[in-house]
Amino acid sequence: MVTNDNEQHKEGGLLNNLSEMLKGVLDGIVLEIISRGEIYGYEIARKLRAMGFDGIAEATVYALLLRFEKNRWVRVTKRPSEMGPPRKFYTLNEKGMEELRNFWARWNFLSDRLNKLRNDGGASG
């Protein structure tokens, strides 16, 4: 049975099962956020919460950012902070932009197929 979003939120069904699906797309979501302009980790986590991804821990965001650094997808600039150690600010470099383009190509491929399946059962047309 298909329920609307409000019913799924009330029942917890959507949110309980979302984390497994989100694992496959979180890199792309964070890369897209970084592509919008220089940003630091806490601000990324705040933007995710504002988008409704309340269940994503800051530690998850920082782990992703470390992996992005290791993969050389981001430029990192350290700046002093009023509250503690210097902050790392992230921007995408060309390799990161290429990964983001690849993410959106994969997303569009998958989304197109799922929409076709949902709308017409995947019948050839």
PDB file of N, CA and C in Angstrom:
ATOM      1  N   MET A   1       0.844  -1.183   0.000  1.00  0.00           N
ATOM      2  CA  MET A   1       0.000   0.000   0.000  1.00  0.00           C
ATOM      3  C   MET A   1       0.883   1.238   0.000  1.00  0.00           C
ATOM      4  N   VAL A   2       0.573   2.193  -0.835  1.00  0.00           N
ATOM      5  CA  VAL A   2       1.319   3.439  -0.909  1.00  0.00           C
ATOM      6  C   VAL A   2       0.641   4.458  -0.011  1.00  0.00           C
ATOM      7  N   THR A   3       1.439   5.089   0.849  1.00  0.00           N
ATOM      8  CA  THR A   3       0.904   6.124   1.728  1.00  0.00           C
ATOM      9  C   THR A   3       1.557   7.440   1.361  1.00  0.00           C
ATOM     10  N   ASN A   4       0.918   8.528   1.778  1.00  0.00           N
ATOM     11  CA  ASN A   4       1.534   9.824   1.485  1.00  0.00           C
ATOM     12  C   ASN A   4       2.678  10.081   2.448  1.00  0.00           C
ATOM     13  N   ASP A   5       3.477  11.112   2.151  1.00  0.00           N
ATOM     14  CA  ASP A   5       4.666  11.394   2.953  1.00  0.00           C
ATOM     15  C   ASP A   5       4.337  11.651   4.414  1.00  0.00           C
ATOM     16  N   ASN A   6       3.251  12.387   4.696  1.00  0.00           N
ATOM     17  CA  ASN A   6       2.900  12.681   6.081  1.00  0.00           C
ATOM     18  C   ASN A   6       2.606  11.413   6.861  1.00  0.00           C
ATOM     19  N   GLU A   7       1.870  10.485   6.245  1.00  0.00           N
ATOM     20  CA  GLU A   7       1.573   9.222   6.923  1.00  0.00           C
ATOM     21  C   GLU A   7       2.854   8.441   7.177  1.00  0.00           C
ATOM     22  N   GLN A   8       3.752   8.414   6.208  1.00  0.00           N
ATOM     23  CA  GLN A   8       4.997   7.672   6.381  1.00  0.00           C
ATOM     24  C   GLN A   8       5.844   8.296   7.483  1.00  0.00           C
ATOM     25  N   HIS A   9       5.874   9.629   7.554  1.00  0.00           N
ATOM     26  CA  HIS A   9       6.641  10.277   8.612  1.00  0.00           C
ATOM     27  C   HIS A   9       6.048   9.940   9.974  1.00  0.00           C
ATOM     28  N   LYS A  10       4.712   9.974  10.077  1.00  0.00           N
ATOM     29  CA  LYS A  10       4.065   9.669  11.344  1.00  0.00           C
ATOM     30  C   LYS A  10       4.362   8.247  11.788  1.00  0.00           C
ATOM     31  N   GLU A  11       4.311   7.327  10.847  1.00  0.00           N
ATOM     32  CA  GLU A  11       4.534   5.926  11.177  1.00  0.00           C
ATOM     33  C   GLU A  11       6.012   5.625  11.383  1.00  0.00           C
ATOM     34  N   GLY A  12       6.890   6.485  10.899  1.00  0.00           N
ATOM     35  CA  GLY A  12       8.309   6.246  11.028  1.00  0.00           C
ATOM     36  C   GLY A  12       8.866   5.356   9.939  1.00  0.00           C
ATOM     37  N   GLY A  13       8.020   4.827   9.070  1.00  0.00           N
ATOM     38  CA  GLY A  13       8.464   3.907   8.033  1.00  0.00           C
ATOM     39  C   GLY A  13       9.466   4.526   7.088  1.00  0.00           C
ATOM     40  N   LEU A  14       9.196   5.713   6.632  1.00  0.00           N
ATOM     41  CA  LEU A  14      10.098   6.384   5.694  1.00  0.00           C
ATOM     42  C   LEU A  14      11.453   6.630   6.334  1.00  0.00           C
ATOM     43  N   LEU A  15      11.449   7.213   7.496  1.00  0.00           N
ATOM     44  CA  LEU A  15      12.710   7.577   8.130  1.00  0.00           C
ATOM     45  C   LEU A  15      13.489   6.357   8.597  1.00  0.00           C
ATOM     46  N   ASN A  16      12.799   5.320   9.041  1.00  0.00           N
ATOM     47  CA  ASN A  16      13.495   4.122   9.497  1.00  0.00           C
ATOM     48  C   ASN A  16      14.258   3.446   8.366  1.00  0.00           C
ATOM     49  N   ASN A  17      13.753   3.507   7.172  1.00  0.00           N
ATOM     50  CA  ASN A  17      14.378   2.818   6.053  1.00  0.00           C
ATOM     51  C   ASN A  17      15.214   3.732   5.168  1.00  0.00           C
ATOM     52  N   LEU A  18      15.192   5.016   5.423  1.00  0.00           N
ATOM     53  CA  LEU A  18      15.888   5.973   4.584  1.00  0.00           C
ATOM     54  C   LEU A  18      17.405   5.864   4.687  1.00  0.00           C
ATOM     55  N   SER A  19      17.929   5.543   5.863  1.00  0.00           N
ATOM     56  CA  SER A  19      19.380   5.569   6.048  1.00  0.00           C
ATOM     57  C   SER A  19      20.109   4.619   5.105  1.00  0.00           C
ATOM     58  N   GLU A  20      19.538   3.458   4.846  1.00  0.00           N
ATOM     59  CA  GLU A  20      20.198   2.518   3.925  1.00  0.00           C
ATOM     60  C   GLU A  20      20.260   3.084   2.512  1.00  0.00           C
ATOM     61  N   MET A  21      19.185   3.700   2.059  1.00  0.00           N
ATOM     62  CA  MET A  21      19.172   4.305   0.726  1.00  0.00           C
ATOM     63  C   MET A  21      20.101   5.517   0.667  1.00  0.00           C
ATOM     64  N   LEU A  22      20.121   6.274   1.749  1.00  0.00           N
ATOM     65  CA  LEU A  22      20.908   7.494   1.794  1.00  0.00           C
ATOM     66  C   LEU A  22      22.410   7.220   1.700  1.00  0.00           C
ATOM     67  N   LYS A  23      22.855   6.088   2.211  1.00  0.00           N
ATOM     68  CA  LYS A  23      24.282   5.750   2.153  1.00  0.00           C
ATOM     69  C   LYS A  23      24.806   5.808   0.726  1.00  0.00           C
ATOM     70  N   GLY A  24      23.989   5.411  -0.223  1.00  0.00           N
ATOM     71  CA  GLY A  24      24.415   5.390  -1.607  1.00  0.00           C
ATOM     72  C   GLY A  24      24.459   6.746  -2.277  1.00  0.00           C
ATOM     73  N   VAL A  25      23.817   7.750  -1.684  1.00  0.00           N
ATOM     74  CA  VAL A  25      23.758   9.060  -2.336  1.00  0.00           C
ATOM     75  C   VAL A  25      24.334  10.198  -1.491  1.00  0.00           C
ATOM     76  N   LEU A  26      24.734   9.914  -0.280  1.00  0.00           N
ATOM     77  CA  LEU A  26      25.210  10.974   0.606  1.00  0.00           C
ATOM     78  C   LEU A  26      26.447  11.677   0.045  1.00  0.00           C
ATOM     79  N   ASP A  27      27.357  10.940  -0.579  1.00  0.00           N
ATOM     80  CA  ASP A  27      28.521  11.580  -1.205  1.00  0.00           C
ATOM     81  C   ASP A  27      28.066  12.660  -2.178  1.00  0.00           C
ATOM     82  N   GLY A  28      27.133  12.312  -3.039  1.00  0.00           N
ATOM     83  CA  GLY A  28      26.659  13.262  -4.035  1.00  0.00           C
ATOM     84  C   GLY A  28      25.981  14.461  -3.415  1.00  0.00           C
ATOM     85  N   ILE A  29      25.202  14.237  -2.364  1.00  0.00           N
ATOM     86  CA  ILE A  29      24.518  15.340  -1.688  1.00  0.00           C
ATOM     87  C   ILE A  29      25.547  16.312  -1.112  1.00  0.00           C
ATOM     88  N   VAL A  30      26.547  15.770  -0.441  1.00  0.00           N
ATOM     89  CA  VAL A  30      27.567  16.629   0.181  1.00  0.00           C
ATOM     90  C   VAL A  30      28.428  17.306  -0.885  1.00  0.00           C
ATOM     91  N   LEU A  31      28.774  16.585  -1.946  1.00  0.00           N
ATOM     92  CA  LEU A  31      29.528  17.218  -3.032  1.00  0.00           C
ATOM     93  C   LEU A  31      28.734  18.385  -3.628  1.00  0.00           C
ATOM     94  N   GLU A  32      27.434  18.195  -3.794  1.00  0.00           N
ATOM     95  CA  GLU A  32      26.599  19.271  -4.336  1.00  0.00           C
ATOM     96  C   GLU A  32      26.584  20.472  -3.401  1.00  0.00           C
ATOM     97  N   ILE A  33      26.486  20.235  -2.105  1.00  0.00           N
ATOM     98  CA  ILE A  33      26.512  21.335  -1.133  1.00  0.00           C
ATOM     99  C   ILE A  33      27.839  22.087  -1.238  1.00  0.00           C
ATOM    100  N   ILE A  34      28.939  21.358  -1.300  1.00  0.00           N
ATOM    101  CA  ILE A  34      30.258  21.999  -1.389  1.00  0.00           C
ATOM    102  C   ILE A  34      30.393  22.770  -2.702  1.00  0.00           C
ATOM    103  N   SER A  35      29.784  22.267  -3.767  1.00  0.00           N
ATOM    104  CA  SER A  35      29.912  22.920  -5.075  1.00  0.00           C
ATOM    105  C   SER A  35      29.294  24.316  -5.093  1.00  0.00           C
ATOM    106  N   ARG A  36      28.429  24.600  -4.129  1.00  0.00           N
ATOM    107  CA  ARG A  36      27.728  25.895  -4.088  1.00  0.00           C
ATOM    108  C   ARG A  36      28.619  27.007  -3.537  1.00  0.00           C
ATOM    109  N   GLY A  37      29.758  26.644  -2.947  1.00  0.00           N
ATOM    110  CA  GLY A  37      30.674  27.658  -2.414  1.00  0.00           C
ATOM    111  C   GLY A  37      31.416  27.139  -1.208  1.00  0.00           C
ATOM    112  N   GLU A  38      32.486  27.820  -0.871  1.00  0.00           N
ATOM    113  CA  GLU A  38      33.339  27.418   0.244  1.00  0.00           C
ATOM    114  C   GLU A  38      32.508  27.236   1.516  1.00  0.00           C
ATOM    115  N   ILE A  39      32.783  26.149   2.228  1.00  0.00           N
ATOM    116  CA  ILE A  39      31.955  25.795   3.386  1.00  0.00           C
ATOM    117  C   ILE A  39      32.773  24.926   4.337  1.00  0.00           C
ATOM    118  N   TYR A  40      32.425  24.938   5.607  1.00  0.00           N
ATOM    119  CA  TYR A  40      33.101  24.080   6.579  1.00  0.00           C
ATOM    120  C   TYR A  40      32.143  22.997   7.077  1.00  0.00           C
ATOM    121  N   GLY A  41      32.707  21.988   7.736  1.00  0.00           N
ATOM    122  CA  GLY A  41      31.973  20.782   8.088  1.00  0.00           C
ATOM    123  C   GLY A  41      30.698  20.998   8.870  1.00  0.00           C
ATOM    124  N   TYR A  42      30.766  21.810   9.924  1.00  0.00           N
ATOM    125  CA  TYR A  42      29.572  22.024  10.736  1.00  0.00           C
ATOM    126  C   TYR A  42      28.454  22.652   9.903  1.00  0.00           C
ATOM    127  N   GLU A  43      28.826  23.564   9.001  1.00  0.00           N
ATOM    128  CA  GLU A  43      27.822  24.220   8.156  1.00  0.00           C
ATOM    129  C   GLU A  43      27.182  23.209   7.198  1.00  0.00           C
ATOM    130  N   ILE A  44      27.960  22.255   6.711  1.00  0.00           N
ATOM    131  CA  ILE A  44      27.402  21.182   5.863  1.00  0.00           C
ATOM    132  C   ILE A  44      26.370  20.388   6.659  1.00  0.00           C
ATOM    133  N   ALA A  45      26.733  20.006   7.877  1.00  0.00           N
ATOM    134  CA  ALA A  45      25.804  19.254   8.734  1.00  0.00           C
ATOM    135  C   ALA A  45      24.536  20.061   8.993  1.00  0.00           C
ATOM    136  N   ARG A  46      24.683  21.363   9.212  1.00  0.00           N
ATOM    137  CA  ARG A  46      23.529  22.234   9.448  1.00  0.00           C
ATOM    138  C   ARG A  46      22.626  22.286   8.212  1.00  0.00           C
ATOM    139  N   LYS A  47      23.222  22.391   7.034  1.00  0.00           N
ATOM    140  CA  LYS A  47      22.437  22.410   5.798  1.00  0.00           C
ATOM    141  C   LYS A  47      21.692  21.091   5.608  1.00  0.00           C
ATOM    142  N   LEU A  48      22.333  19.980   5.915  1.00  0.00           N
ATOM    143  CA  LEU A  48      21.668  18.680   5.806  1.00  0.00           C
ATOM    144  C   LEU A  48      20.465  18.614   6.733  1.00  0.00           C
ATOM    145  N   ARG A  49      20.635  19.089   7.973  1.00  0.00           N
ATOM    146  CA  ARG A  49      19.506  19.104   8.921  1.00  0.00           C
ATOM    147  C   ARG A  49      18.390  19.993   8.392  1.00  0.00           C
ATOM    148  N   ALA A  50      18.741  21.151   7.826  1.00  0.00           N
ATOM    149  CA  ALA A  50      17.734  22.073   7.290  1.00  0.00           C
ATOM    150  C   ALA A  50      16.975  21.441   6.123  1.00  0.00           C
ATOM    151  N   MET A  51      17.617  20.513   5.418  1.00  0.00           N
ATOM    152  CA  MET A  51      16.968  19.814   4.310  1.00  0.00           C
ATOM    153  C   MET A  51      16.104  18.656   4.797  1.00  0.00           C
ATOM    154  N   GLY A  52      16.134  18.377   6.107  1.00  0.00           N
ATOM    155  CA  GLY A  52      15.323  17.303   6.663  1.00  0.00           C
ATOM    156  C   GLY A  52      16.092  16.033   6.964  1.00  0.00           C
ATOM    157  N   PHE A  53      17.395  16.054   6.777  1.00  0.00           N
ATOM    158  CA  PHE A  53      18.222  14.877   7.061  1.00  0.00           C
ATOM    159  C   PHE A  53      18.737  14.949   8.497  1.00  0.00           C
ATOM    160  N   ASP A  54      17.806  14.936   9.440  1.00  0.00           N
ATOM    161  CA  ASP A  54      18.149  15.086  10.857  1.00  0.00           C
ATOM    162  C   ASP A  54      18.997  13.940  11.397  1.00  0.00           C
ATOM    163  N   GLY A  55      18.872  12.768  10.811  1.00  0.00           N
ATOM    164  CA  GLY A  55      19.558  11.588  11.332  1.00  0.00           C
ATOM    165  C   GLY A  55      21.015  11.474  10.943  1.00  0.00           C
ATOM    166  N   ILE A  56      21.534  12.404  10.156  1.00  0.00           N
ATOM    167  CA  ILE A  56      22.932  12.327   9.742  1.00  0.00           C
ATOM    168  C   ILE A  56      23.792  13.006  10.793  1.00  0.00           C
ATOM    169  N   ALA A  57      24.649  12.229  11.437  1.00  0.00           N
ATOM    170  CA  ALA A  57      25.497  12.745  12.505  1.00  0.00           C
ATOM    171  C   ALA A  57      26.632  13.587  11.919  1.00  0.00           C
ATOM    172  N   GLU A  58      27.077  14.566  12.696  1.00  0.00           N
ATOM    173  CA  GLU A  58      28.220  15.376  12.267  1.00  0.00           C
ATOM    174  C   GLU A  58      29.431  14.486  12.004  1.00  0.00           C
ATOM    175  N   ALA A  59      29.603  13.447  12.807  1.00  0.00           N
ATOM    176  CA  ALA A  59      30.739  12.543  12.619  1.00  0.00           C
ATOM    177  C   ALA A  59      30.710  11.909  11.233  1.00  0.00           C
ATOM    178  N   THR A  60      29.521  11.621  10.729  1.00  0.00           N
ATOM    179  CA  THR A  60      29.382  11.065   9.380  1.00  0.00           C
ATOM    180  C   THR A  60      29.852  12.069   8.344  1.00  0.00           C
ATOM    181  N   VAL A  61      29.475  13.325   8.528  1.00  0.00           N
ATOM    182  CA  VAL A  61      29.896  14.381   7.602  1.00  0.00           C
ATOM    183  C   VAL A  61      31.409  14.513   7.618  1.00  0.00           C
ATOM    184  N   TYR A  62      32.015  14.533   8.804  1.00  0.00           N
ATOM    185  CA  TYR A  62      33.465  14.688   8.894  1.00  0.00           C
ATOM    186  C   TYR A  62      34.193  13.482   8.298  1.00  0.00           C
ATOM    187  N   ALA A  63      33.639  12.292   8.468  1.00  0.00           N
ATOM    188  CA  ALA A  63      34.238  11.105   7.848  1.00  0.00           C
ATOM    189  C   ALA A  63      34.201  11.222   6.320  1.00  0.00           C
ATOM    190  N   LEU A  64      33.094  11.700   5.785  1.00  0.00           N
ATOM    191  CA  LEU A  64      32.998  11.923   4.337  1.00  0.00           C
ATOM    192  C   LEU A  64      34.034  12.938   3.879  1.00  0.00           C
ATOM    193  N   LEU A  65      34.163  14.030   4.621  1.00  0.00           N
ATOM    194  CA  LEU A  65      35.113  15.074   4.238  1.00  0.00           C
ATOM    195  C   LEU A  65      36.548  14.557   4.246  1.00  0.00           C
ATOM    196  N   LEU A  66      36.878  13.719   5.217  1.00  0.00           N
ATOM    197  CA  LEU A  66      38.219  13.117   5.241  1.00  0.00           C
ATOM    198  C   LEU A  66      38.438  12.244   4.008  1.00  0.00           C
ATOM    199  N   ARG A  67      37.411  11.493   3.636  1.00  0.00           N
ATOM    200  CA  ARG A  67      37.519  10.661   2.439  1.00  0.00           C
ATOM    201  C   ARG A  67      37.631  11.517   1.190  1.00  0.00           C
ATOM    202  N   PHE A  68      36.885  12.619   1.144  1.00  0.00           N
ATOM    203  CA  PHE A  68      36.981  13.537   0.004  1.00  0.00           C
ATOM    204  C   PHE A  68      38.401  14.092  -0.110  1.00  0.00           C
ATOM    205  N   GLU A  69      39.013  14.415   1.047  1.00  0.00           N
ATOM    206  CA  GLU A  69      40.404  14.885   1.037  1.00  0.00           C
ATOM    207  C   GLU A  69      41.332  13.792   0.501  1.00  0.00           C
ATOM    208  N   LYS A  70      41.149  12.586   1.016  1.00  0.00           N
ATOM    209  CA  LYS A  70      41.988  11.459   0.594  1.00  0.00           C
ATOM    210  C   LYS A  70      41.853  11.209  -0.912  1.00  0.00           C
ATOM    211  N   ASN A  71      40.639  11.330  -1.440  1.00  0.00           N
ATOM    212  CA  ASN A  71      40.389  11.127  -2.866  1.00  0.00           C
ATOM    213  C   ASN A  71      40.783  12.342  -3.709  1.00  0.00           C
ATOM    214  N   ARG A  72      41.190  13.405  -3.029  1.00  0.00           N
ATOM    215  CA  ARG A  72      41.599  14.658  -3.682  1.00  0.00           C
ATOM    216  C   ARG A  72      40.473  15.275  -4.515  1.00  0.00           C
ATOM    217  N   TRP A  73      39.277  15.297  -3.924  1.00  0.00           N
ATOM    218  CA  TRP A  73      38.115  15.900  -4.570  1.00  0.00           C
ATOM    219  C   TRP A  73      37.914  17.336  -4.116  1.00  0.00           C
ATOM    220  N   VAL A  74      38.600  17.740  -3.039  1.00  0.00           N
ATOM    221  CA  VAL A  74      38.377  19.059  -2.444  1.00  0.00           C
ATOM    222  C   VAL A  74      39.688  19.802  -2.209  1.00  0.00           C
ATOM    223  N   ARG A  75      39.560  21.127  -2.217  1.00  0.00           N
ATOM    224  CA  ARG A  75      40.643  21.989  -1.744  1.00  0.00           C
ATOM    225  C   ARG A  75      40.281  22.348  -0.306  1.00  0.00           C
ATOM    226  N   VAL A  76      41.286  22.336   0.553  1.00  0.00           N
ATOM    227  CA  VAL A  76      41.052  22.634   1.964  1.00  0.00           C
ATOM    228  C   VAL A  76      41.858  23.877   2.334  1.00  0.00           C
ATOM    229  N   THR A  77      41.174  24.830   2.962  1.00  0.00           N
ATOM    230  CA  THR A  77      41.818  26.033   3.459  1.00  0.00           C
ATOM    231  C   THR A  77      41.536  26.107   4.951  1.00  0.00           C
ATOM    232  N   LYS A  78      42.598  26.227   5.750  1.00  0.00           N
ATOM    233  CA  LYS A  78      42.415  26.361   7.201  1.00  0.00           C
ATOM    234  C   LYS A  78      42.377  27.836   7.558  1.00  0.00           C
ATOM    235  N   ARG A  79      41.395  28.180   8.405  1.00  0.00           N
ATOM    236  CA  ARG A  79      41.241  29.556   8.862  1.00  0.00           C
ATOM    237  C   ARG A  79      41.041  29.557  10.370  1.00  0.00           C
ATOM    238  N   PRO A  80      41.530  30.589  11.043  1.00  0.00           N
ATOM    239  CA  PRO A  80      41.317  30.679  12.500  1.00  0.00           C
ATOM    240  C   PRO A  80      39.830  30.714  12.829  1.00  0.00           C
ATOM    241  N   SER A  81      39.515  30.183  13.987  1.00  0.00           N
ATOM    242  CA  SER A  81      38.134  30.183  14.472  1.00  0.00           C
ATOM    243  C   SER A  81      38.090  30.882  15.819  1.00  0.00           C
ATOM    244  N   GLU A  82      36.996  31.594  16.069  1.00  0.00           N
ATOM    245  CA  GLU A  82      36.829  32.250  17.374  1.00  0.00           C
ATOM    246  C   GLU A  82      36.664  31.213  18.476  1.00  0.00           C
ATOM    247  N   MET A  83      36.212  30.015  18.094  1.00  0.00           N
ATOM    248  CA  MET A  83      35.883  28.994  19.086  1.00  0.00           C
ATOM    249  C   MET A  83      36.749  27.754  18.906  1.00  0.00           C
ATOM    250  N   GLY A  84      38.015  27.846  19.259  1.00  0.00           N
ATOM    251  CA  GLY A  84      38.857  26.657  19.219  1.00  0.00           C
ATOM    252  C   GLY A  84      39.833  26.627  18.062  1.00  0.00           C
ATOM    253  N   PRO A  85      40.166  25.419  17.619  1.00  0.00           N
ATOM    254  CA  PRO A  85      41.187  25.250  16.583  1.00  0.00           C
ATOM    255  C   PRO A  85      40.732  25.814  15.236  1.00  0.00           C
ATOM    256  N   PRO A  86      41.672  25.997  14.315  1.00  0.00           N
ATOM    257  CA  PRO A  86      41.305  26.503  12.989  1.00  0.00           C
ATOM    258  C   PRO A  86      40.270  25.607  12.323  1.00  0.00           C
ATOM    259  N   ARG A  87      39.424  26.229  11.518  1.00  0.00           N
ATOM    260  CA  ARG A  87      38.408  25.496  10.768  1.00  0.00           C
ATOM    261  C   ARG A  87      38.946  25.158   9.389  1.00  0.00           C
ATOM    262  N   LYS A  88      38.517  24.008   8.897  1.00  0.00           N
ATOM    263  CA  LYS A  88      38.824  23.627   7.525  1.00  0.00           C
ATOM    264  C   LYS A  88      37.647  24.030   6.651  1.00  0.00           C
ATOM    265  N   PHE A  89      37.924  24.805   5.631  1.00  0.00           N
ATOM    266  CA  PHE A  89      36.915  25.194   4.653  1.00  0.00           C
ATOM    267  C   PHE A  89      37.160  24.402   3.382  1.00  0.00           C
ATOM    268  N   TYR A  90      36.091  23.924   2.769  1.00  0.00           N
ATOM    269  CA  TYR A  90      36.176  23.035   1.612  1.00  0.00           C
ATOM    270  C   TYR A  90      35.590  23.686   0.377  1.00  0.00           C
ATOM    271  N   THR A  91      36.270  23.483  -0.747  1.00  0.00           N
ATOM    272  CA  THR A  91      35.735  23.803  -2.067  1.00  0.00           C
ATOM    273  C   THR A  91      36.062  22.616  -2.963  1.00  0.00           C
ATOM    274  N   LEU A  92      35.250  22.427  -3.991  1.00  0.00           N
ATOM    275  CA  LEU A  92      35.531  21.335  -4.927  1.00  0.00           C
ATOM    276  C   LEU A  92      36.622  21.761  -5.893  1.00  0.00           C
ATOM    277  N   ASN A  93      37.534  20.840  -6.177  1.00  0.00           N
ATOM    278  CA  ASN A  93      38.505  21.063  -7.232  1.00  0.00           C
ATOM    279  C   ASN A  93      37.984  20.378  -8.498  1.00  0.00           C
ATOM    280  N   GLU A  94      38.772  20.350  -9.557  1.00  0.00           N
ATOM    281  CA  GLU A  94      38.288  19.776 -10.824  1.00  0.00           C
ATOM    282  C   GLU A  94      37.940  18.294 -10.665  1.00  0.00           C
ATOM    283  N   LYS A  95      38.746  17.561  -9.910  1.00  0.00           N
ATOM    284  CA  LYS A  95      38.458  16.133  -9.694  1.00  0.00           C
ATOM    285  C   LYS A  95      37.139  15.959  -8.932  1.00  0.00           C
ATOM    286  N   GLY A  96      36.881  16.822  -7.968  1.00  0.00           N
ATOM    287  CA  GLY A  96      35.622  16.785  -7.231  1.00  0.00           C
ATOM    288  C   GLY A  96      34.433  17.153  -8.105  1.00  0.00           C
ATOM    289  N   MET A  97      34.635  18.143  -8.980  1.00  0.00           N
ATOM    290  CA  MET A  97      33.558  18.520  -9.907  1.00  0.00           C
ATOM    291  C   MET A  97      33.249  17.368 -10.858  1.00  0.00           C
ATOM    292  N   GLU A  98      34.277  16.662 -11.295  1.00  0.00           N
ATOM    293  CA  GLU A  98      34.068  15.502 -12.168  1.00  0.00           C
ATOM    294  C   GLU A  98      33.299  14.406 -11.433  1.00  0.00           C
ATOM    295  N   GLU A  99      33.637  14.169 -10.182  1.00  0.00           N
ATOM    296  CA  GLU A  99      32.906  13.172  -9.386  1.00  0.00           C
ATOM    297  C   GLU A  99      31.449  13.583  -9.221  1.00  0.00           C
ATOM    298  N   LEU A 100      31.210  14.875  -9.011  1.00  0.00           N
ATOM    299  CA  LEU A 100      29.846  15.370  -8.876  1.00  0.00           C
ATOM    300  C   LEU A 100      29.084  15.197 -10.188  1.00  0.00           C
ATOM    301  N   ARG A 101      29.706  15.500 -11.311  1.00  0.00           N
ATOM    302  CA  ARG A 101      29.049  15.280 -12.614  1.00  0.00           C
ATOM    303  C   ARG A 101      28.722  13.797 -12.797  1.00  0.00           C
ATOM    304  N   ASN A 102      29.651  12.925 -12.420  1.00  0.00           N
ATOM    305  CA  ASN A 102      29.413  11.479 -12.523  1.00  0.00           C
ATOM    306  C   ASN A 102      28.268  11.042 -11.615  1.00  0.00           C
ATOM    307  N   PHE A 103      28.214  11.609 -10.407  1.00  0.00           N
ATOM    308  CA  PHE A 103      27.117  11.294  -9.493  1.00  0.00           C
ATOM    309  C   PHE A 103      25.778  11.643 -10.135  1.00  0.00           C
ATOM    310  N   TRP A 104      25.660  12.864 -10.684  1.00  0.00           N
ATOM    311  CA  TRP A 104      24.394  13.284 -11.273  1.00  0.00           C
ATOM    312  C   TRP A 104      24.054  12.451 -12.500  1.00  0.00           C
ATOM    313  N   ALA A 105      25.034  12.024 -13.257  1.00  0.00           N
ATOM    314  CA  ALA A 105      24.764  11.148 -14.412  1.00  0.00           C
ATOM    315  C   ALA A 105      24.204   9.810 -13.927  1.00  0.00           C
ATOM    316  N   ARG A 106      24.816   9.243 -12.871  1.00  0.00           N
ATOM    317  CA  ARG A 106      24.307   7.979 -12.314  1.00  0.00           C
ATOM    318  C   ARG A 106      22.903   8.178 -11.740  1.00  0.00           C
ATOM    319  N   TRP A 107      22.712   9.296 -11.018  1.00  0.00           N
ATOM    320  CA  TRP A 107      21.407   9.596 -10.431  1.00  0.00           C
ATOM    321  C   TRP A 107      20.344   9.706 -11.519  1.00  0.00           C
ATOM    322  N   ASN A 108      20.633  10.450 -12.572  1.00  0.00           N
ATOM    323  CA  ASN A 108      19.657  10.633 -13.649  1.00  0.00           C
ATOM    324  C   ASN A 108      19.323   9.312 -14.327  1.00  0.00           C
ATOM    325  N   PHE A 109      20.319   8.471 -14.544  1.00  0.00           N
ATOM    326  CA  PHE A 109      20.092   7.152 -15.140  1.00  0.00           C
ATOM    327  C   PHE A 109      19.134   6.341 -14.267  1.00  0.00           C
ATOM    328  N   LEU A 110      19.452   6.249 -12.986  1.00  0.00           N
ATOM    329  CA  LEU A 110      18.635   5.475 -12.060  1.00  0.00           C
ATOM    330  C   LEU A 110      17.242   6.080 -11.902  1.00  0.00           C
ATOM    331  N   SER A 111      17.177   7.375 -11.728  1.00  0.00           N
ATOM    332  CA  SER A 111      15.898   8.055 -11.549  1.00  0.00           C
ATOM    333  C   SER A 111      14.996   7.871 -12.768  1.00  0.00           C
ATOM    334  N   ASP A 112      15.564   8.007 -13.952  1.00  0.00           N
ATOM    335  CA  ASP A 112      14.779   7.812 -15.176  1.00  0.00           C
ATOM    336  C   ASP A 112      14.187   6.406 -15.220  1.00  0.00           C
ATOM    337  N   ARG A 113      15.003   5.404 -14.898  1.00  0.00           N
ATOM    338  CA  ARG A 113      14.527   4.011 -14.945  1.00  0.00           C
ATOM    339  C   ARG A 113      13.458   3.754 -13.899  1.00  0.00           C
ATOM    340  N   LEU A 114      13.662   4.292 -12.694  1.00  0.00           N
ATOM    341  CA  LEU A 114      12.669   4.089 -11.634  1.00  0.00           C
ATOM    342  C   LEU A 114      11.354   4.791 -11.968  1.00  0.00           C
ATOM    343  N   ASN A 115      11.431   5.997 -12.504  1.00  0.00           N
ATOM    344  CA  ASN A 115      10.207   6.701 -12.893  1.00  0.00           C
ATOM    345  C   ASN A 115       9.481   5.961 -14.005  1.00  0.00           C
ATOM    346  N   LYS A 116      10.218   5.427 -14.949  1.00  0.00           N
ATOM    347  CA  LYS A 116       9.605   4.656 -16.028  1.00  0.00           C
ATOM    348  C   LYS A 116       8.914   3.416 -15.448  1.00  0.00           C
ATOM    349  N   LEU A 117       9.586   2.727 -14.563  1.00  0.00           N
ATOM    350  CA  LEU A 117       8.997   1.543 -13.928  1.00  0.00           C
ATOM    351  C   LEU A 117       7.734   1.920 -13.159  1.00  0.00           C
ATOM    352  N   ARG A 118       7.807   2.987 -12.395  1.00  0.00           N
ATOM    353  CA  ARG A 118       6.666   3.416 -11.578  1.00  0.00           C
ATOM    354  C   ARG A 118       5.481   3.842 -12.443  1.00  0.00           C
ATOM    355  N   ASN A 119       5.766   4.543 -13.534  1.00  0.00           N
ATOM    356  CA  ASN A 119       4.698   5.127 -14.335  1.00  0.00           C
ATOM    357  C   ASN A 119       4.092   4.180 -15.361  1.00  0.00           C
ATOM    358  N   ASP A 120       4.892   3.297 -15.926  1.00  0.00           N
ATOM    359  CA  ASP A 120       4.326   2.416 -16.954  1.00  0.00           C
ATOM    360  C   ASP A 120       4.791   0.974 -16.849  1.00  0.00           C
ATOM    361  N   GLY A 121       5.307   0.634 -15.693  1.00  0.00           N
ATOM    362  CA  GLY A 121       5.721  -0.745 -15.482  1.00  0.00           C
ATOM    363  C   GLY A 121       6.989  -1.137 -16.202  1.00  0.00           C
ATOM    364  N   GLY A 122       7.722  -0.150 -16.715  1.00  0.00           N
ATOM    365  CA  GLY A 122       8.960  -0.434 -17.408  1.00  0.00           C
ATOM    366  C   GLY A 122       8.791  -0.897 -18.836  1.00  0.00           C
ATOM    367  N   ALA A 123       7.567  -0.791 -19.348  1.00  0.00           N
ATOM    368  CA  ALA A 123       7.300  -1.237 -20.715  1.00  0.00           C
ATOM    369  C   ALA A 123       8.108  -0.406 -21.701  1.00  0.00           C
ATOM    370  N   SER A 124       8.589  -1.037 -22.730  1.00  0.00           N
ATOM    371  CA  SER A 124       9.329  -0.320 -23.778  1.00  0.00           C
ATOM    372  C   SER A 124       8.384   0.635 -24.469  1.00  0.00           C
ATOM    373  N   GLY A 125       8.939   1.762 -24.858  1.00  0.00           N
ATOM    374  CA  GLY A 125       8.058   2.708 -25.519  1.00  0.00           C
ATOM    375  C   GLY A 125       8.749   3.383 -26.548  1.00  0.00           C
TER     376      GLY A 125
END
